[in-house]
């Protein structure tokens, strides 16, 4: 899945230890997609490499994030995760259209 929009918040990184004794680290970024309803999406990054990519972004940046969406059930309720795996600034700019300018084509 691809999420595009404007970064509105970068939450400080969290760390912990799993039941298996392995250390983990995650960080969350909030993106405003501009949608009419529920425009903000929180995407989390796990691991140092992904968090380093996330930290290259700043509040106000236009971004494109590739992510996996997953759900799991716990006590009859479902919980969702949006895990980002590729964080980039969206630098795509479109050429401006100039009205009334000739392009020297014969047709």
N, C-alpha and C. Protein backbone atom coordinates (compact mmCIF):
# COMPACT_ATOMS: atom_id res chain seq x y z
N UNK A 1 0.84 -1.16 0.00
CA UNK A 1 0.00 0.00 0.00
C UNK A 1 0.89 1.24 0.00
N UNK A 2 0.42 2.30 -0.63
CA UNK A 2 1.18 3.55 -0.68
C UNK A 2 0.38 4.65 0.01
N UNK A 3 1.04 5.37 0.90
CA UNK A 3 0.44 6.51 1.60
C UNK A 3 1.20 7.75 1.17
N UNK A 4 0.48 8.77 0.69
CA UNK A 4 1.12 10.02 0.32
C UNK A 4 0.42 11.16 1.05
N UNK A 5 1.18 12.19 1.38
CA UNK A 5 0.61 13.34 2.05
C UNK A 5 1.68 14.18 2.71
N UNK A 6 1.25 14.97 3.70
CA UNK A 6 2.13 15.89 4.40
C UNK A 6 2.40 15.39 5.81
N UNK A 7 3.65 15.38 6.22
CA UNK A 7 4.00 14.96 7.57
C UNK A 7 3.48 16.01 8.56
N UNK A 8 2.67 15.57 9.54
CA UNK A 8 2.16 16.49 10.55
C UNK A 8 2.80 16.28 11.91
N UNK A 9 3.35 15.08 12.13
CA UNK A 9 3.96 14.80 13.43
C UNK A 9 4.93 13.64 13.30
N UNK A 10 6.05 13.74 14.02
CA UNK A 10 6.99 12.63 14.14
C UNK A 10 7.13 12.35 15.62
N UNK A 11 6.64 11.19 16.04
CA UNK A 11 6.62 10.80 17.45
C UNK A 11 8.00 10.27 17.84
N UNK A 12 8.49 10.59 19.03
CA UNK A 12 9.78 10.05 19.47
C UNK A 12 9.80 8.51 19.44
N UNK A 13 10.97 7.95 19.19
CA UNK A 13 11.14 6.49 19.10
C UNK A 13 10.86 5.84 20.46
N UNK A 14 10.33 4.61 20.39
CA UNK A 14 10.08 3.80 21.58
C UNK A 14 10.96 2.56 21.49
N UNK A 15 11.39 2.06 22.65
CA UNK A 15 12.18 0.83 22.70
C UNK A 15 11.59 -0.10 23.74
N UNK A 16 11.92 -1.36 23.62
CA UNK A 16 11.45 -2.34 24.58
C UNK A 16 12.12 -3.68 24.36
N UNK A 17 11.66 -4.66 25.14
CA UNK A 17 12.18 -6.02 25.04
C UNK A 17 10.99 -6.96 24.88
N UNK A 18 11.06 -7.85 23.89
CA UNK A 18 9.98 -8.79 23.65
C UNK A 18 9.98 -9.90 24.70
N UNK A 19 8.93 -10.72 24.70
CA UNK A 19 8.86 -11.85 25.62
C UNK A 19 10.01 -12.83 25.39
N UNK A 20 10.51 -12.86 24.16
CA UNK A 20 11.62 -13.75 23.81
C UNK A 20 12.97 -13.14 24.21
N UNK A 21 12.96 -11.92 24.76
CA UNK A 21 14.19 -11.30 25.21
C UNK A 21 14.93 -10.47 24.17
N UNK A 22 14.29 -10.27 23.02
CA UNK A 22 14.93 -9.47 21.96
C UNK A 22 14.52 -8.01 22.10
N UNK A 23 15.50 -7.12 21.93
CA UNK A 23 15.21 -5.69 21.98
C UNK A 23 14.53 -5.26 20.68
N UNK A 24 13.59 -4.31 20.77
CA UNK A 24 12.94 -3.77 19.60
C UNK A 24 12.89 -2.24 19.71
N UNK A 25 12.74 -1.62 18.56
CA UNK A 25 12.67 -0.17 18.49
C UNK A 25 11.67 0.20 17.41
N UNK A 26 10.79 1.16 17.71
CA UNK A 26 9.83 1.61 16.70
C UNK A 26 9.62 3.11 16.82
N UNK A 27 9.18 3.70 15.71
CA UNK A 27 8.86 5.12 15.69
C UNK A 27 7.66 5.31 14.78
N UNK A 28 6.83 6.30 15.13
CA UNK A 28 5.59 6.56 14.40
C UNK A 28 5.67 7.92 13.73
N UNK A 29 5.16 7.99 12.51
CA UNK A 29 5.03 9.25 11.77
C UNK A 29 3.56 9.40 11.40
N UNK A 30 3.03 10.61 11.52
CA UNK A 30 1.64 10.88 11.18
C UNK A 30 1.60 11.68 9.89
N UNK A 31 0.80 11.22 8.93
CA UNK A 31 0.71 11.84 7.61
C UNK A 31 -0.72 12.28 7.35
N UNK A 32 -0.89 13.53 6.92
CA UNK A 32 -2.20 14.04 6.51
C UNK A 32 -2.34 13.79 5.01
N UNK A 33 -3.28 12.91 4.65
CA UNK A 33 -3.45 12.52 3.25
C UNK A 33 -4.32 13.50 2.46
N UNK A 34 -4.98 14.40 3.16
CA UNK A 34 -5.86 15.35 2.49
C UNK A 34 -7.24 14.79 2.20
N UNK A 35 -7.54 13.59 2.67
CA UNK A 35 -8.85 12.98 2.45
C UNK A 35 -9.93 13.75 3.20
N UNK A 36 -11.17 13.66 2.75
CA UNK A 36 -12.27 14.36 3.39
C UNK A 36 -12.57 13.82 4.78
N UNK A 37 -12.50 12.51 4.95
CA UNK A 37 -12.80 11.89 6.23
C UNK A 37 -11.57 11.13 6.73
N UNK A 38 -11.26 11.29 8.00
CA UNK A 38 -10.12 10.62 8.62
C UNK A 38 -8.84 10.80 7.81
N UNK A 39 -8.40 12.05 7.63
CA UNK A 39 -7.25 12.29 6.75
C UNK A 39 -5.89 11.90 7.33
N UNK A 40 -5.78 11.75 8.66
CA UNK A 40 -4.47 11.45 9.24
C UNK A 40 -4.28 9.94 9.40
N UNK A 41 -3.09 9.50 8.99
CA UNK A 41 -2.73 8.08 9.10
C UNK A 41 -1.41 7.99 9.85
N UNK A 42 -1.36 7.14 10.87
CA UNK A 42 -0.14 6.90 11.63
C UNK A 42 0.54 5.66 11.07
N UNK A 43 1.78 5.82 10.64
CA UNK A 43 2.55 4.72 10.07
C UNK A 43 3.75 4.49 10.98
N UNK A 44 3.99 3.23 11.33
CA UNK A 44 5.10 2.92 12.23
C UNK A 44 6.25 2.28 11.47
N UNK A 45 7.46 2.56 11.96
CA UNK A 45 8.68 1.97 11.40
C UNK A 45 9.35 1.15 12.49
N UNK A 46 9.73 -0.09 12.16
CA UNK A 46 10.43 -0.96 13.10
C UNK A 46 11.86 -1.15 12.64
N UNK A 47 12.80 -1.08 13.56
CA UNK A 47 14.20 -1.35 13.27
C UNK A 47 14.97 -0.09 12.91
N UNK A 48 16.27 -0.14 13.17
CA UNK A 48 17.13 1.03 12.98
C UNK A 48 17.17 1.54 11.55
N UNK A 49 17.25 0.64 10.58
CA UNK A 49 17.36 1.07 9.18
C UNK A 49 16.14 1.86 8.74
N UNK A 50 14.96 1.36 9.05
CA UNK A 50 13.73 2.06 8.66
C UNK A 50 13.54 3.35 9.44
N UNK A 51 13.93 3.34 10.71
CA UNK A 51 13.83 4.55 11.53
C UNK A 51 14.81 5.61 11.02
N UNK A 52 15.99 5.22 10.57
CA UNK A 52 16.93 6.18 9.98
C UNK A 52 16.34 6.83 8.73
N UNK A 53 15.66 6.04 7.89
CA UNK A 53 15.00 6.60 6.70
C UNK A 53 13.89 7.56 7.11
N UNK A 54 13.12 7.19 8.12
CA UNK A 54 12.03 8.04 8.61
C UNK A 54 12.58 9.36 9.15
N UNK A 55 13.71 9.32 9.82
CA UNK A 55 14.28 10.52 10.44
C UNK A 55 14.89 11.49 9.43
N UNK A 56 14.94 11.12 8.16
CA UNK A 56 15.37 12.05 7.12
C UNK A 56 14.23 12.99 6.73
N UNK A 57 13.04 12.71 7.24
CA UNK A 57 11.86 13.53 6.95
C UNK A 57 11.65 14.55 8.05
N UNK A 58 10.89 15.60 7.74
CA UNK A 58 10.58 16.65 8.72
C UNK A 58 9.10 17.01 8.62
N UNK A 59 8.57 17.58 9.67
CA UNK A 59 7.19 18.05 9.67
C UNK A 59 7.04 19.06 8.53
N UNK A 60 5.99 18.87 7.74
CA UNK A 60 5.73 19.74 6.60
C UNK A 60 6.17 19.16 5.27
N UNK A 61 7.02 18.12 5.29
CA UNK A 61 7.47 17.49 4.05
C UNK A 61 6.32 16.75 3.37
N UNK A 62 6.33 16.79 2.04
CA UNK A 62 5.44 15.95 1.25
C UNK A 62 6.14 14.59 1.14
N UNK A 63 5.44 13.51 1.48
CA UNK A 63 6.08 12.20 1.52
C UNK A 63 5.30 11.14 0.77
N UNK A 64 6.03 10.09 0.42
CA UNK A 64 5.43 8.86 -0.10
C UNK A 64 5.97 7.73 0.75
N UNK A 65 5.08 6.93 1.32
CA UNK A 65 5.48 5.83 2.19
C UNK A 65 4.88 4.54 1.64
N UNK A 66 5.72 3.55 1.44
CA UNK A 66 5.25 2.22 1.08
C UNK A 66 5.11 1.43 2.37
N UNK A 67 3.97 0.76 2.54
CA UNK A 67 3.73 0.09 3.81
C UNK A 67 2.90 -1.18 3.64
N UNK A 68 2.95 -2.01 4.66
CA UNK A 68 2.12 -3.20 4.76
C UNK A 68 1.05 -2.95 5.80
N UNK A 69 -0.17 -3.38 5.51
CA UNK A 69 -1.28 -3.25 6.45
C UNK A 69 -1.63 -4.65 6.92
N UNK A 70 -1.73 -4.81 8.24
CA UNK A 70 -2.08 -6.12 8.79
C UNK A 70 -3.06 -5.96 9.95
N UNK A 71 -3.79 -7.02 10.24
CA UNK A 71 -4.74 -7.04 11.34
C UNK A 71 -4.54 -8.30 12.15
N UNK A 72 -4.84 -8.20 13.44
CA UNK A 72 -4.80 -9.39 14.30
C UNK A 72 -5.93 -9.31 15.29
N UNK A 73 -6.37 -10.46 15.73
CA UNK A 73 -7.49 -10.55 16.66
C UNK A 73 -6.97 -10.81 18.07
N UNK A 74 -7.56 -10.13 19.04
CA UNK A 74 -7.22 -10.35 20.44
C UNK A 74 -8.51 -10.18 21.25
N UNK A 75 -8.93 -11.24 21.92
CA UNK A 75 -10.14 -11.24 22.73
C UNK A 75 -11.37 -10.76 21.97
N UNK A 76 -11.50 -11.22 20.73
CA UNK A 76 -12.68 -10.89 19.93
C UNK A 76 -12.65 -9.52 19.28
N UNK A 77 -11.57 -8.77 19.45
CA UNK A 77 -11.43 -7.45 18.83
C UNK A 77 -10.27 -7.50 17.85
N UNK A 78 -10.35 -6.66 16.82
CA UNK A 78 -9.30 -6.62 15.81
C UNK A 78 -8.49 -5.34 15.94
N UNK A 79 -7.18 -5.49 15.81
CA UNK A 79 -6.25 -4.38 15.90
C UNK A 79 -5.45 -4.33 14.60
N UNK A 80 -5.18 -3.13 14.11
CA UNK A 80 -4.54 -2.95 12.82
C UNK A 80 -3.17 -2.30 12.97
N UNK A 81 -2.26 -2.69 12.12
CA UNK A 81 -0.93 -2.09 12.05
C UNK A 81 -0.68 -1.60 10.64
N UNK A 82 -0.07 -0.44 10.54
CA UNK A 82 0.41 0.06 9.26
C UNK A 82 1.91 0.21 9.41
N UNK A 83 2.64 -0.73 8.84
CA UNK A 83 4.10 -0.80 9.00
C UNK A 83 4.79 -0.28 7.74
N UNK A 84 5.47 0.86 7.86
CA UNK A 84 6.18 1.45 6.73
C UNK A 84 7.50 0.74 6.50
N UNK A 85 7.84 0.55 5.22
CA UNK A 85 9.13 -0.07 4.92
C UNK A 85 9.96 0.76 3.94
N UNK A 86 9.38 1.84 3.38
CA UNK A 86 10.13 2.71 2.47
C UNK A 86 9.58 4.13 2.62
N UNK A 87 10.41 5.04 3.15
CA UNK A 87 10.00 6.41 3.43
C UNK A 87 10.79 7.35 2.52
N UNK A 88 10.11 8.14 1.68
CA UNK A 88 10.79 9.08 0.80
C UNK A 88 10.04 10.40 0.73
N UNK A 89 10.80 11.46 0.49
CA UNK A 89 10.18 12.75 0.21
C UNK A 89 9.57 12.67 -1.18
N UNK A 90 8.37 13.21 -1.31
CA UNK A 90 7.71 13.21 -2.61
C UNK A 90 8.11 14.49 -3.32
N UNK A 91 9.12 14.40 -4.18
CA UNK A 91 9.66 15.58 -4.85
C UNK A 91 9.15 15.72 -6.27
N UNK A 92 8.14 14.97 -6.61
CA UNK A 92 7.60 15.05 -7.97
C UNK A 92 6.98 16.42 -8.20
N UNK A 93 7.48 17.12 -9.17
CA UNK A 93 6.90 18.40 -9.52
C UNK A 93 6.41 18.32 -10.95
N UNK A 94 5.32 18.96 -11.22
CA UNK A 94 4.76 18.93 -12.56
C UNK A 94 5.13 20.20 -13.29
N UNK A 95 5.37 20.08 -14.60
CA UNK A 95 5.69 21.24 -15.40
C UNK A 95 4.48 22.15 -15.48
N UNK A 96 4.69 23.45 -15.30
CA UNK A 96 3.55 24.37 -15.39
C UNK A 96 3.04 24.46 -16.82
N UNK A 97 1.75 24.61 -16.97
CA UNK A 97 1.13 24.77 -18.27
C UNK A 97 1.00 26.26 -18.53
N UNK A 98 1.55 26.71 -19.65
CA UNK A 98 1.48 28.12 -20.02
C UNK A 98 0.43 28.26 -21.11
N UNK A 99 -0.60 29.05 -20.83
CA UNK A 99 -1.69 29.24 -21.78
C UNK A 99 -1.31 30.31 -22.78
N UNK A 100 -1.59 30.02 -24.07
CA UNK A 100 -1.36 31.02 -25.11
C UNK A 100 0.05 31.04 -25.67
N UNK A 101 0.87 30.09 -25.31
CA UNK A 101 2.23 30.05 -25.81
C UNK A 101 2.31 29.06 -26.97
N UNK A 102 2.93 29.48 -28.06
CA UNK A 102 3.07 28.63 -29.23
C UNK A 102 4.22 27.65 -29.03
N UNK A 103 4.03 26.43 -29.54
CA UNK A 103 5.11 25.45 -29.43
C UNK A 103 5.73 25.16 -30.81
N UNK A 104 5.41 25.98 -31.81
CA UNK A 104 6.00 25.90 -33.14
C UNK A 104 5.73 24.60 -33.87
N UNK A 105 4.62 23.94 -33.57
CA UNK A 105 4.26 22.74 -34.31
C UNK A 105 3.38 23.15 -35.52
N UNK A 106 3.55 22.46 -36.65
CA UNK A 106 2.80 22.86 -37.85
C UNK A 106 1.33 22.45 -37.83
N UNK A 107 0.88 21.77 -36.81
CA UNK A 107 -0.53 21.33 -36.77
C UNK A 107 -1.17 21.68 -35.47
